ModelCIF file with pLDDT and N, C-alpha, C, O atoms, coordinates in Angstrom:
data_MODEL
#
_entry.id   MODEL 
#
_entity.id                         1 
_entity.type                       polymer 
_entity.pdbx_number_of_molecules   1 
#
_entity_poly.entity_id                      1 
_entity_poly.type                           'polypeptide(L)' 
_entity_poly.nstd_linkage                   no 
_entity_poly.nstd_monomer                   no 
_entity_poly.pdbx_seq_one_letter_code       HHLRPGGLLVVDYLQKVPVHGVATTREQVMRSTETLKDLAVSADISVL 
_entity_poly.pdbx_seq_one_letter_code_can   HHLRPGGLLVVDYLQKVPVHGVATTREQVMRSTETLKDLAVSADISVL 
_entity_poly.pdbx_strand_id                 A 
#
loop_
_entity_poly_seq.entity_id 
_entity_poly_seq.num 
_entity_poly_seq.mon_id 
_entity_poly_seq.hetero 
1 1  HIS n 
1 2  HIS n 
1 3  LEU n 
1 4  ARG n 
1 5  PRO n 
1 6  GLY n 
1 7  GLY n 
1 8  LEU n 
1 9  LEU n 
1 10 VAL n 
1 11 VAL n 
1 12 ASP n 
1 13 TYR n 
1 14 LEU n 
1 15 GLN n 
1 16 LYS n 
1 17 VAL n 
1 18 PRO n 
1 19 VAL n 
1 20 HIS n 
1 21 GLY n 
1 22 VAL n 
1 23 ALA n 
1 24 THR n 
1 25 THR n 
1 26 ARG n 
1 27 GLU n 
1 28 GLN n 
1 29 VAL n 
1 30 MET n 
1 31 ARG n 
1 32 SER n 
1 33 THR n 
1 34 GLU n 
1 35 THR n 
1 36 LEU n 
1 37 LYS n 
1 38 ASP n 
1 39 LEU n 
1 40 ALA n 
1 41 VAL n 
1 42 SER n 
1 43 ALA n 
1 44 ASP n 
1 45 ILE n 
1 46 SER n 
1 47 VAL n 
1 48 LEU n 
#
_struct_asym.id          A 
_struct_asym.entity_id   1 
#
loop_
_ma_qa_metric.id 
_ma_qa_metric.mode 
_ma_qa_metric.name 
_ma_qa_metric.software_group_id 
_ma_qa_metric.type 
1 global pLDDT . pLDDT 
2 local  pLDDT . pLDDT 
#
_ma_qa_metric_global.metric_id      1 
_ma_qa_metric_global.metric_value   91.23 
_ma_qa_metric_global.model_id       1 
_ma_qa_metric_global.ordinal_id     1 
#
loop_
_ma_qa_metric_local.label_asym_id 
_ma_qa_metric_local.label_comp_id 
_ma_qa_metric_local.label_seq_id 
_ma_qa_metric_local.metric_id 
_ma_qa_metric_local.metric_value 
_ma_qa_metric_local.model_id 
_ma_qa_metric_local.ordinal_id 
A HIS 1  2 92.00 1 1  
A HIS 2  2 92.00 1 2  
A LEU 3  2 93.00 1 3  
A ARG 4  2 92.00 1 4  
A PRO 5  2 93.00 1 5  
A GLY 6  2 93.00 1 6  
A GLY 7  2 94.00 1 7  
A LEU 8  2 96.00 1 8  
A LEU 9  2 97.00 1 9  
A VAL 10 2 97.00 1 10 
A VAL 11 2 97.00 1 11 
A ASP 12 2 92.00 1 12 
A TYR 13 2 86.00 1 13 
A LEU 14 2 92.00 1 14 
A GLN 15 2 91.00 1 15 
A LYS 16 2 92.00 1 16 
A VAL 17 2 93.00 1 17 
A PRO 18 2 91.00 1 18 
A VAL 19 2 89.00 1 19 
A HIS 20 2 84.00 1 20 
A GLY 21 2 81.00 1 21 
A VAL 22 2 81.00 1 22 
A ALA 23 2 74.00 1 23 
A THR 24 2 82.00 1 24 
A THR 25 2 82.00 1 25 
A ARG 26 2 85.00 1 26 
A GLU 27 2 87.00 1 27 
A GLN 28 2 88.00 1 28 
A VAL 29 2 89.00 1 29 
A MET 30 2 90.00 1 30 
A ARG 31 2 90.00 1 31 
A SER 32 2 92.00 1 32 
A THR 33 2 92.00 1 33 
A GLU 34 2 93.00 1 34 
A THR 35 2 93.00 1 35 
A LEU 36 2 94.00 1 36 
A LYS 37 2 94.00 1 37 
A ASP 38 2 94.00 1 38 
A LEU 39 2 95.00 1 39 
A ALA 40 2 95.00 1 40 
A VAL 41 2 94.00 1 41 
A SER 42 2 94.00 1 42 
A ALA 43 2 95.00 1 43 
A ASP 44 2 95.00 1 44 
A ILE 45 2 95.00 1 45 
A SER 46 2 96.00 1 46 
A VAL 47 2 96.00 1 47 
A LEU 48 2 97.00 1 48 
#
loop_
_atom_site.group_PDB 
_atom_site.id 
_atom_site.type_symbol 
_atom_site.label_atom_id 
_atom_site.label_alt_id 
_atom_site.label_comp_id 
_atom_site.label_asym_id 
_atom_site.label_entity_id 
_atom_site.label_seq_id 
_atom_site.pdbx_PDB_ins_code 
_atom_site.Cartn_x 
_atom_site.Cartn_y 
_atom_site.Cartn_z 
_atom_site.occupancy 
_atom_site.B_iso_or_equiv 
_atom_site.pdbx_formal_charge 
_atom_site.auth_seq_id 
_atom_site.auth_comp_id 
_atom_site.auth_asym_id 
_atom_site.auth_atom_id 
_atom_site.pdbx_PDB_model_num 
ATOM 1   N N  . HIS A 1 1  ? -16.400 -7.912  -0.752 1.00 92.00 ? 1  HIS A N  1 
ATOM 2   C CA . HIS A 1 1  ? -17.576 -9.198  -1.028 1.00 92.00 ? 1  HIS A CA 1 
ATOM 3   C C  . HIS A 1 1  ? -18.468 -9.838  -0.334 1.00 92.00 ? 1  HIS A C  1 
ATOM 4   O O  . HIS A 1 1  ? -19.021 -10.817 -0.834 1.00 92.00 ? 1  HIS A O  1 
ATOM 5   N N  . HIS A 1 2  ? -18.821 -9.350  1.129  1.00 92.00 ? 2  HIS A N  1 
ATOM 6   C CA . HIS A 1 2  ? -19.829 -9.697  1.944  1.00 92.00 ? 2  HIS A CA 1 
ATOM 7   C C  . HIS A 1 2  ? -20.808 -8.369  2.042  1.00 92.00 ? 2  HIS A C  1 
ATOM 8   O O  . HIS A 1 2  ? -22.023 -8.559  2.090  1.00 92.00 ? 2  HIS A O  1 
ATOM 9   N N  . LEU A 1 3  ? -20.327 -7.147  2.069  1.00 93.00 ? 3  LEU A N  1 
ATOM 10  C CA . LEU A 1 3  ? -21.275 -6.362  3.106  1.00 93.00 ? 3  LEU A CA 1 
ATOM 11  C C  . LEU A 1 3  ? -21.636 -5.369  1.504  1.00 93.00 ? 3  LEU A C  1 
ATOM 12  O O  . LEU A 1 3  ? -21.037 -5.392  0.429  1.00 93.00 ? 3  LEU A O  1 
ATOM 13  N N  . ARG A 1 4  ? -22.823 -4.582  1.935  1.00 92.00 ? 4  ARG A N  1 
ATOM 14  C CA . ARG A 1 4  ? -23.471 -3.381  1.357  1.00 92.00 ? 4  ARG A CA 1 
ATOM 15  C C  . ARG A 1 4  ? -23.153 -2.069  1.838  1.00 92.00 ? 4  ARG A C  1 
ATOM 16  O O  . ARG A 1 4  ? -22.834 -1.875  3.011  1.00 92.00 ? 4  ARG A O  1 
ATOM 17  N N  . PRO A 1 5  ? -23.219 -1.271  1.083  1.00 93.00 ? 5  PRO A N  1 
ATOM 18  C CA . PRO A 1 5  ? -23.195 0.235   1.980  1.00 93.00 ? 5  PRO A CA 1 
ATOM 19  C C  . PRO A 1 5  ? -24.480 0.505   2.831  1.00 93.00 ? 5  PRO A C  1 
ATOM 20  O O  . PRO A 1 5  ? -25.613 0.542   2.350  1.00 93.00 ? 5  PRO A O  1 
ATOM 21  N N  . GLY A 1 6  ? -24.174 0.688   4.156  1.00 93.00 ? 6  GLY A N  1 
ATOM 22  C CA . GLY A 1 6  ? -24.340 0.649   5.148  1.00 93.00 ? 6  GLY A CA 1 
ATOM 23  C C  . GLY A 1 6  ? -24.811 -0.731  5.843  1.00 93.00 ? 6  GLY A C  1 
ATOM 24  O O  . GLY A 1 6  ? -25.926 -1.081  6.229  1.00 93.00 ? 6  GLY A O  1 
ATOM 25  N N  . GLY A 1 7  ? -23.439 -1.455  5.867  1.00 94.00 ? 7  GLY A N  1 
ATOM 26  C CA . GLY A 1 7  ? -23.468 -2.854  6.245  1.00 94.00 ? 7  GLY A CA 1 
ATOM 27  C C  . GLY A 1 7  ? -22.644 -2.707  7.710  1.00 94.00 ? 7  GLY A C  1 
ATOM 28  O O  . GLY A 1 7  ? -22.098 -1.692  8.141  1.00 94.00 ? 7  GLY A O  1 
ATOM 29  N N  . LEU A 1 8  ? -22.701 -3.654  8.158  1.00 96.00 ? 8  LEU A N  1 
ATOM 30  C CA . LEU A 1 8  ? -21.883 -3.623  9.117  1.00 96.00 ? 8  LEU A CA 1 
ATOM 31  C C  . LEU A 1 8  ? -20.825 -4.881  9.763  1.00 96.00 ? 8  LEU A C  1 
ATOM 32  O O  . LEU A 1 8  ? -21.299 -6.001  9.954  1.00 96.00 ? 8  LEU A O  1 
ATOM 33  N N  . LEU A 1 9  ? -19.501 -4.615  10.046 1.00 97.00 ? 9  LEU A N  1 
ATOM 34  C CA . LEU A 1 9  ? -18.254 -5.297  10.021 1.00 97.00 ? 9  LEU A CA 1 
ATOM 35  C C  . LEU A 1 9  ? -18.196 -5.159  11.624 1.00 97.00 ? 9  LEU A C  1 
ATOM 36  O O  . LEU A 1 9  ? -17.993 -4.103  12.224 1.00 97.00 ? 9  LEU A O  1 
ATOM 37  N N  . VAL A 1 10 ? -18.414 -6.436  12.212 1.00 97.00 ? 10 VAL A N  1 
ATOM 38  C CA . VAL A 1 10 ? -17.617 -6.422  13.617 1.00 97.00 ? 10 VAL A CA 1 
ATOM 39  C C  . VAL A 1 10 ? -16.693 -7.328  13.950 1.00 97.00 ? 10 VAL A C  1 
ATOM 40  O O  . VAL A 1 10 ? -16.908 -8.509  13.673 1.00 97.00 ? 10 VAL A O  1 
ATOM 41  N N  . VAL A 1 11 ? -15.301 -6.879  14.712 1.00 97.00 ? 11 VAL A N  1 
ATOM 42  C CA . VAL A 1 11 ? -13.914 -7.393  14.473 1.00 97.00 ? 11 VAL A CA 1 
ATOM 43  C C  . VAL A 1 11 ? -13.858 -7.741  15.858 1.00 97.00 ? 11 VAL A C  1 
ATOM 44  O O  . VAL A 1 11 ? -13.525 -6.767  16.534 1.00 97.00 ? 11 VAL A O  1 
ATOM 45  N N  . ASP A 1 12 ? -14.071 -8.823  16.554 1.00 92.00 ? 12 ASP A N  1 
ATOM 46  C CA . ASP A 1 12 ? -13.310 -9.258  17.900 1.00 92.00 ? 12 ASP A CA 1 
ATOM 47  C C  . ASP A 1 12 ? -12.453 -10.280 18.050 1.00 92.00 ? 12 ASP A C  1 
ATOM 48  O O  . ASP A 1 12 ? -12.770 -11.468 17.997 1.00 92.00 ? 12 ASP A O  1 
ATOM 49  N N  . TYR A 1 13 ? -11.202 -9.783  18.267 1.00 86.00 ? 13 TYR A N  1 
ATOM 50  C CA . TYR A 1 13 ? -11.127 -8.466  19.033 1.00 86.00 ? 13 TYR A CA 1 
ATOM 51  C C  . TYR A 1 13 ? -10.183 -7.766  17.986 1.00 86.00 ? 13 TYR A C  1 
ATOM 52  O O  . TYR A 1 13 ? -9.539  -8.280  17.072 1.00 86.00 ? 13 TYR A O  1 
ATOM 53  N N  . LEU A 1 14 ? -10.286 -6.373  18.395 1.00 92.00 ? 14 LEU A N  1 
ATOM 54  C CA . LEU A 1 14 ? -9.021  -5.549  17.490 1.00 92.00 ? 14 LEU A CA 1 
ATOM 55  C C  . LEU A 1 14 ? -7.663  -5.157  17.834 1.00 92.00 ? 14 LEU A C  1 
ATOM 56  O O  . LEU A 1 14 ? -7.142  -4.130  17.401 1.00 92.00 ? 14 LEU A O  1 
ATOM 57  N N  . GLN A 1 15 ? -7.003  -6.113  18.739 1.00 91.00 ? 15 GLN A N  1 
ATOM 58  C CA . GLN A 1 15 ? -5.480  -6.000  19.270 1.00 91.00 ? 15 GLN A CA 1 
ATOM 59  C C  . GLN A 1 15 ? -5.147  -7.797  18.464 1.00 91.00 ? 15 GLN A C  1 
ATOM 60  O O  . GLN A 1 15 ? -4.016  -8.281  18.421 1.00 91.00 ? 15 GLN A O  1 
ATOM 61  N N  . LYS A 1 16 ? -6.070  -8.317  18.060 1.00 92.00 ? 16 LYS A N  1 
ATOM 62  C CA . LYS A 1 16 ? -5.649  -9.342  17.356 1.00 92.00 ? 16 LYS A CA 1 
ATOM 63  C C  . LYS A 1 16 ? -5.404  -9.905  16.097 1.00 92.00 ? 16 LYS A C  1 
ATOM 64  O O  . LYS A 1 16 ? -5.108  -11.029 15.691 1.00 92.00 ? 16 LYS A O  1 
ATOM 65  N N  . VAL A 1 17 ? -5.759  -8.037  15.240 1.00 93.00 ? 17 VAL A N  1 
ATOM 66  C CA . VAL A 1 17 ? -5.505  -8.000  14.222 1.00 93.00 ? 17 VAL A CA 1 
ATOM 67  C C  . VAL A 1 17 ? -4.163  -7.791  13.698 1.00 93.00 ? 17 VAL A C  1 
ATOM 68  O O  . VAL A 1 17 ? -3.520  -6.779  13.976 1.00 93.00 ? 17 VAL A O  1 
ATOM 69  N N  . PRO A 1 18 ? -3.561  -9.058  12.673 1.00 91.00 ? 18 PRO A N  1 
ATOM 70  C CA . PRO A 1 18 ? -1.655  -8.917  11.975 1.00 91.00 ? 18 PRO A CA 1 
ATOM 71  C C  . PRO A 1 18 ? -1.799  -7.494  11.669 1.00 91.00 ? 18 PRO A C  1 
ATOM 72  O O  . PRO A 1 18 ? -2.718  -6.949  11.059 1.00 91.00 ? 18 PRO A O  1 
ATOM 73  N N  . VAL A 1 19 ? -0.592  -6.900  12.262 1.00 89.00 ? 19 VAL A N  1 
ATOM 74  C CA . VAL A 1 19 ? -0.313  -5.803  11.555 1.00 89.00 ? 19 VAL A CA 1 
ATOM 75  C C  . VAL A 1 19 ? 1.365   -6.680  11.521 1.00 89.00 ? 19 VAL A C  1 
ATOM 76  O O  . VAL A 1 19 ? 2.028   -7.227  12.402 1.00 89.00 ? 19 VAL A O  1 
ATOM 77  N N  . HIS A 1 20 ? 1.599   -6.437  9.884  1.00 84.00 ? 20 HIS A N  1 
ATOM 78  C CA . HIS A 1 20 ? 2.858   -7.230  9.707  1.00 84.00 ? 20 HIS A CA 1 
ATOM 79  C C  . HIS A 1 20 ? 4.182   -6.160  9.681  1.00 84.00 ? 20 HIS A C  1 
ATOM 80  O O  . HIS A 1 20 ? 3.973   -5.078  9.132  1.00 84.00 ? 20 HIS A O  1 
ATOM 81  N N  . GLY A 1 21 ? 5.222   -6.352  10.116 1.00 81.00 ? 21 GLY A N  1 
ATOM 82  C CA . GLY A 1 21 ? 6.147   -5.310  10.360 1.00 81.00 ? 21 GLY A CA 1 
ATOM 83  C C  . GLY A 1 21 ? 6.325   -4.099  11.018 1.00 81.00 ? 21 GLY A C  1 
ATOM 84  O O  . GLY A 1 21 ? 7.058   -3.176  10.662 1.00 81.00 ? 21 GLY A O  1 
ATOM 85  N N  . VAL A 1 22 ? 5.430   -4.171  12.250 1.00 81.00 ? 22 VAL A N  1 
ATOM 86  C CA . VAL A 1 22 ? 5.472   -3.807  13.329 1.00 81.00 ? 22 VAL A CA 1 
ATOM 87  C C  . VAL A 1 22 ? 6.355   -4.408  14.485 1.00 81.00 ? 22 VAL A C  1 
ATOM 88  O O  . VAL A 1 22 ? 6.979   -5.461  14.345 1.00 81.00 ? 22 VAL A O  1 
ATOM 89  N N  . ALA A 1 23 ? 6.359   -3.648  15.654 1.00 74.00 ? 23 ALA A N  1 
ATOM 90  C CA . ALA A 1 23 ? 7.349   -4.403  16.809 1.00 74.00 ? 23 ALA A CA 1 
ATOM 91  C C  . ALA A 1 23 ? 6.841   -4.201  17.566 1.00 74.00 ? 23 ALA A C  1 
ATOM 92  O O  . ALA A 1 23 ? 6.951   -5.067  18.433 1.00 74.00 ? 23 ALA A O  1 
ATOM 93  N N  . THR A 1 24 ? 6.050   -3.195  17.878 1.00 82.00 ? 24 THR A N  1 
ATOM 94  C CA . THR A 1 24 ? 5.205   -2.585  19.499 1.00 82.00 ? 24 THR A CA 1 
ATOM 95  C C  . THR A 1 24 ? 3.287   -2.686  19.351 1.00 82.00 ? 24 THR A C  1 
ATOM 96  O O  . THR A 1 24 ? 2.783   -2.372  18.273 1.00 82.00 ? 24 THR A O  1 
ATOM 97  N N  . THR A 1 25 ? 2.324   -3.174  20.614 1.00 82.00 ? 25 THR A N  1 
ATOM 98  C CA . THR A 1 25 ? 1.748   -3.406  20.350 1.00 82.00 ? 25 THR A CA 1 
ATOM 99  C C  . THR A 1 25 ? 0.888   -2.039  20.196 1.00 82.00 ? 25 THR A C  1 
ATOM 100 O O  . THR A 1 25 ? -0.259  -1.826  19.804 1.00 82.00 ? 25 THR A O  1 
ATOM 101 N N  . ARG A 1 26 ? 1.719   -1.373  20.575 1.00 85.00 ? 26 ARG A N  1 
ATOM 102 C CA . ARG A 1 26 ? 0.798   0.599   20.446 1.00 85.00 ? 26 ARG A CA 1 
ATOM 103 C C  . ARG A 1 26 ? 0.699   0.305   18.807 1.00 85.00 ? 26 ARG A C  1 
ATOM 104 O O  . ARG A 1 26 ? -0.399  0.335   18.251 1.00 85.00 ? 26 ARG A O  1 
ATOM 105 N N  . GLU A 1 27 ? 2.026   -0.003  18.017 1.00 87.00 ? 27 GLU A N  1 
ATOM 106 C CA . GLU A 1 27 ? 1.719   0.327   16.761 1.00 87.00 ? 27 GLU A CA 1 
ATOM 107 C C  . GLU A 1 27 ? 0.662   -0.985  16.084 1.00 87.00 ? 27 GLU A C  1 
ATOM 108 O O  . GLU A 1 27 ? 0.037   -1.129  15.033 1.00 87.00 ? 27 GLU A O  1 
ATOM 109 N N  . GLN A 1 28 ? 0.769   -1.397  16.715 1.00 88.00 ? 28 GLN A N  1 
ATOM 110 C CA . GLN A 1 28 ? -0.033  -2.194  15.557 1.00 88.00 ? 28 GLN A CA 1 
ATOM 111 C C  . GLN A 1 28 ? -1.746  -2.208  16.019 1.00 88.00 ? 28 GLN A C  1 
ATOM 112 O O  . GLN A 1 28 ? -2.643  -2.524  15.237 1.00 88.00 ? 28 GLN A O  1 
ATOM 113 N N  . VAL A 1 29 ? -1.935  -1.847  17.275 1.00 89.00 ? 29 VAL A N  1 
ATOM 114 C CA . VAL A 1 29 ? -3.288  -0.791  17.475 1.00 89.00 ? 29 VAL A CA 1 
ATOM 115 C C  . VAL A 1 29 ? -3.246  0.612   16.554 1.00 89.00 ? 29 VAL A C  1 
ATOM 116 O O  . VAL A 1 29 ? -4.177  1.228   16.034 1.00 89.00 ? 29 VAL A O  1 
ATOM 117 N N  . MET A 1 30 ? -2.546  0.741   16.555 1.00 90.00 ? 30 MET A N  1 
ATOM 118 C CA . MET A 1 30 ? -2.558  2.596   15.666 1.00 90.00 ? 30 MET A CA 1 
ATOM 119 C C  . MET A 1 30 ? -2.829  2.156   14.405 1.00 90.00 ? 30 MET A C  1 
ATOM 120 O O  . MET A 1 30 ? -3.676  2.681   13.683 1.00 90.00 ? 30 MET A O  1 
ATOM 121 N N  . ARG A 1 31 ? -2.132  1.188   14.091 1.00 90.00 ? 31 ARG A N  1 
ATOM 122 C CA . ARG A 1 31 ? -2.277  0.955   12.338 1.00 90.00 ? 31 ARG A CA 1 
ATOM 123 C C  . ARG A 1 31 ? -4.201  -0.049  12.011 1.00 90.00 ? 31 ARG A C  1 
ATOM 124 O O  . ARG A 1 31 ? -4.998  0.152   11.095 1.00 90.00 ? 31 ARG A O  1 
ATOM 125 N N  . SER A 1 32 ? -4.284  -0.858  12.964 1.00 92.00 ? 32 SER A N  1 
ATOM 126 C CA . SER A 1 32 ? -5.377  -1.662  13.179 1.00 92.00 ? 32 SER A CA 1 
ATOM 127 C C  . SER A 1 32 ? -6.637  -0.625  13.038 1.00 92.00 ? 32 SER A C  1 
ATOM 128 O O  . SER A 1 32 ? -7.452  -0.641  12.116 1.00 92.00 ? 32 SER A O  1 
ATOM 129 N N  . THR A 1 33 ? -6.627  0.189   14.035 1.00 92.00 ? 33 THR A N  1 
ATOM 130 C CA . THR A 1 33 ? -7.233  1.413   14.090 1.00 92.00 ? 33 THR A CA 1 
ATOM 131 C C  . THR A 1 33 ? -7.674  2.850   13.092 1.00 92.00 ? 33 THR A C  1 
ATOM 132 O O  . THR A 1 33 ? -8.715  3.425   12.773 1.00 92.00 ? 33 THR A O  1 
ATOM 133 N N  . GLU A 1 34 ? -6.008  3.027   12.811 1.00 93.00 ? 34 GLU A N  1 
ATOM 134 C CA . GLU A 1 34 ? -6.588  3.681   11.880 1.00 93.00 ? 34 GLU A CA 1 
ATOM 135 C C  . GLU A 1 34 ? -7.208  2.934   9.892  1.00 93.00 ? 34 GLU A C  1 
ATOM 136 O O  . GLU A 1 34 ? -7.843  3.406   8.949  1.00 93.00 ? 34 GLU A O  1 
ATOM 137 N N  . THR A 1 35 ? -6.672  1.907   10.129 1.00 93.00 ? 35 THR A N  1 
ATOM 138 C CA . THR A 1 35 ? -7.528  0.708   8.686  1.00 93.00 ? 35 THR A CA 1 
ATOM 139 C C  . THR A 1 35 ? -8.912  0.684   9.004  1.00 93.00 ? 35 THR A C  1 
ATOM 140 O O  . THR A 1 35 ? -9.734  0.745   8.091  1.00 93.00 ? 35 THR A O  1 
ATOM 141 N N  . LEU A 1 36 ? -9.373  0.578   10.549 1.00 94.00 ? 36 LEU A N  1 
ATOM 142 C CA . LEU A 1 36 ? -10.734 0.210   9.850  1.00 94.00 ? 36 LEU A CA 1 
ATOM 143 C C  . LEU A 1 36 ? -11.657 0.813   10.077 1.00 94.00 ? 36 LEU A C  1 
ATOM 144 O O  . LEU A 1 36 ? -12.830 0.502   9.873  1.00 94.00 ? 36 LEU A O  1 
ATOM 145 N N  . LYS A 1 37 ? -10.865 2.566   10.920 1.00 94.00 ? 37 LYS A N  1 
ATOM 146 C CA . LYS A 1 37 ? -11.581 3.809   10.480 1.00 94.00 ? 37 LYS A CA 1 
ATOM 147 C C  . LYS A 1 37 ? -11.533 4.125   8.903  1.00 94.00 ? 37 LYS A C  1 
ATOM 148 O O  . LYS A 1 37 ? -12.586 4.669   8.568  1.00 94.00 ? 37 LYS A O  1 
ATOM 149 N N  . ASP A 1 38 ? -10.811 3.987   8.034  1.00 94.00 ? 38 ASP A N  1 
ATOM 150 C CA . ASP A 1 38 ? -10.486 4.129   6.545  1.00 94.00 ? 38 ASP A CA 1 
ATOM 151 C C  . ASP A 1 38 ? -11.449 3.214   6.363  1.00 94.00 ? 38 ASP A C  1 
ATOM 152 O O  . ASP A 1 38 ? -12.549 3.757   6.272  1.00 94.00 ? 38 ASP A O  1 
ATOM 153 N N  . LEU A 1 39 ? -11.487 1.918   6.262  1.00 95.00 ? 39 LEU A N  1 
ATOM 154 C CA . LEU A 1 39 ? -12.286 0.866   5.477  1.00 95.00 ? 39 LEU A CA 1 
ATOM 155 C C  . LEU A 1 39 ? -13.788 1.411   6.042  1.00 95.00 ? 39 LEU A C  1 
ATOM 156 O O  . LEU A 1 39 ? -14.574 1.509   5.100  1.00 95.00 ? 39 LEU A O  1 
ATOM 157 N N  . ALA A 1 40 ? -14.382 1.790   7.346  1.00 95.00 ? 40 ALA A N  1 
ATOM 158 C CA . ALA A 1 40 ? -15.680 2.209   7.653  1.00 95.00 ? 40 ALA A CA 1 
ATOM 159 C C  . ALA A 1 40 ? -16.075 3.455   6.674  1.00 95.00 ? 40 ALA A C  1 
ATOM 160 O O  . ALA A 1 40 ? -17.211 3.365   6.208  1.00 95.00 ? 40 ALA A O  1 
ATOM 161 N N  . VAL A 1 41 ? -15.439 4.425   6.348  1.00 94.00 ? 41 VAL A N  1 
ATOM 162 C CA . VAL A 1 41 ? -15.414 5.626   5.451  1.00 94.00 ? 41 VAL A CA 1 
ATOM 163 C C  . VAL A 1 41 ? -15.200 5.512   4.213  1.00 94.00 ? 41 VAL A C  1 
ATOM 164 O O  . VAL A 1 41 ? -15.479 6.444   3.459  1.00 94.00 ? 41 VAL A O  1 
ATOM 165 N N  . SER A 1 42 ? -14.764 4.566   3.842  1.00 94.00 ? 42 SER A N  1 
ATOM 166 C CA . SER A 1 42 ? -14.483 4.206   2.052  1.00 94.00 ? 42 SER A CA 1 
ATOM 167 C C  . SER A 1 42 ? -15.279 3.450   1.710  1.00 94.00 ? 42 SER A C  1 
ATOM 168 O O  . SER A 1 42 ? -15.802 3.699   0.624  1.00 94.00 ? 42 SER A O  1 
ATOM 169 N N  . ALA A 1 43 ? -15.787 2.060   2.536  1.00 95.00 ? 43 ALA A N  1 
ATOM 170 C CA . ALA A 1 43 ? -16.807 1.387   2.160  1.00 95.00 ? 43 ALA A CA 1 
ATOM 171 C C  . ALA A 1 43 ? -18.522 1.827   2.548  1.00 95.00 ? 43 ALA A C  1 
ATOM 172 O O  . ALA A 1 43 ? -19.541 1.195   2.271  1.00 95.00 ? 43 ALA A O  1 
ATOM 173 N N  . ASP A 1 44 ? -18.375 3.142   3.280  1.00 95.00 ? 44 ASP A N  1 
ATOM 174 C CA . ASP A 1 44 ? -19.428 3.488   3.678  1.00 95.00 ? 44 ASP A CA 1 
ATOM 175 C C  . ASP A 1 44 ? -20.529 2.690   4.744  1.00 95.00 ? 44 ASP A C  1 
ATOM 176 O O  . ASP A 1 44 ? -21.732 2.745   4.492  1.00 95.00 ? 44 ASP A O  1 
ATOM 177 N N  . ILE A 1 45 ? -20.003 1.918   5.996  1.00 95.00 ? 45 ILE A N  1 
ATOM 178 C CA . ILE A 1 45 ? -20.439 1.339   6.397  1.00 95.00 ? 45 ILE A CA 1 
ATOM 179 C C  . ILE A 1 45 ? -19.842 1.399   8.052  1.00 95.00 ? 45 ILE A C  1 
ATOM 180 O O  . ILE A 1 45 ? -18.950 2.188   8.362  1.00 95.00 ? 45 ILE A O  1 
ATOM 181 N N  . SER A 1 46 ? -20.571 0.303   9.196  1.00 96.00 ? 46 SER A N  1 
ATOM 182 C CA . SER A 1 46 ? -20.299 0.882   10.430 1.00 96.00 ? 46 SER A CA 1 
ATOM 183 C C  . SER A 1 46 ? -19.109 -0.325  10.858 1.00 96.00 ? 46 SER A C  1 
ATOM 184 O O  . SER A 1 46 ? -18.695 -1.456  10.608 1.00 96.00 ? 46 SER A O  1 
ATOM 185 N N  . VAL A 1 47 ? -18.988 0.507   11.437 1.00 96.00 ? 47 VAL A N  1 
ATOM 186 C CA . VAL A 1 47 ? -17.261 -0.753  11.898 1.00 96.00 ? 47 VAL A CA 1 
ATOM 187 C C  . VAL A 1 47 ? -17.403 -1.144  13.587 1.00 96.00 ? 47 VAL A C  1 
ATOM 188 O O  . VAL A 1 47 ? -17.569 -0.143  14.285 1.00 96.00 ? 47 VAL A O  1 
ATOM 189 N N  . LEU A 1 48 ? -17.376 -1.954  14.045 1.00 97.00 ? 48 LEU A N  1 
ATOM 190 C CA . LEU A 1 48 ? -17.532 -2.090  15.747 1.00 97.00 ? 48 LEU A CA 1 
ATOM 191 C C  . LEU A 1 48 ? -16.346 -3.403  16.212 1.00 97.00 ? 48 LEU A C  1 
ATOM 192 O O  . LEU A 1 48 ? -16.224 -3.736  17.390 1.00 97.00 ? 48 LEU A O  1 
#
């Protein structure tokens, strides 16, 4: 709804992005990081 291709998403900060159903910080970070990378590719944006 808010970014065009070529836009920038800034997430401050990654370890606070909630991921439901995970038991460890390692798993939360892994899921969040994978999703943000996929989002950068699929939406053709930069993610910081």
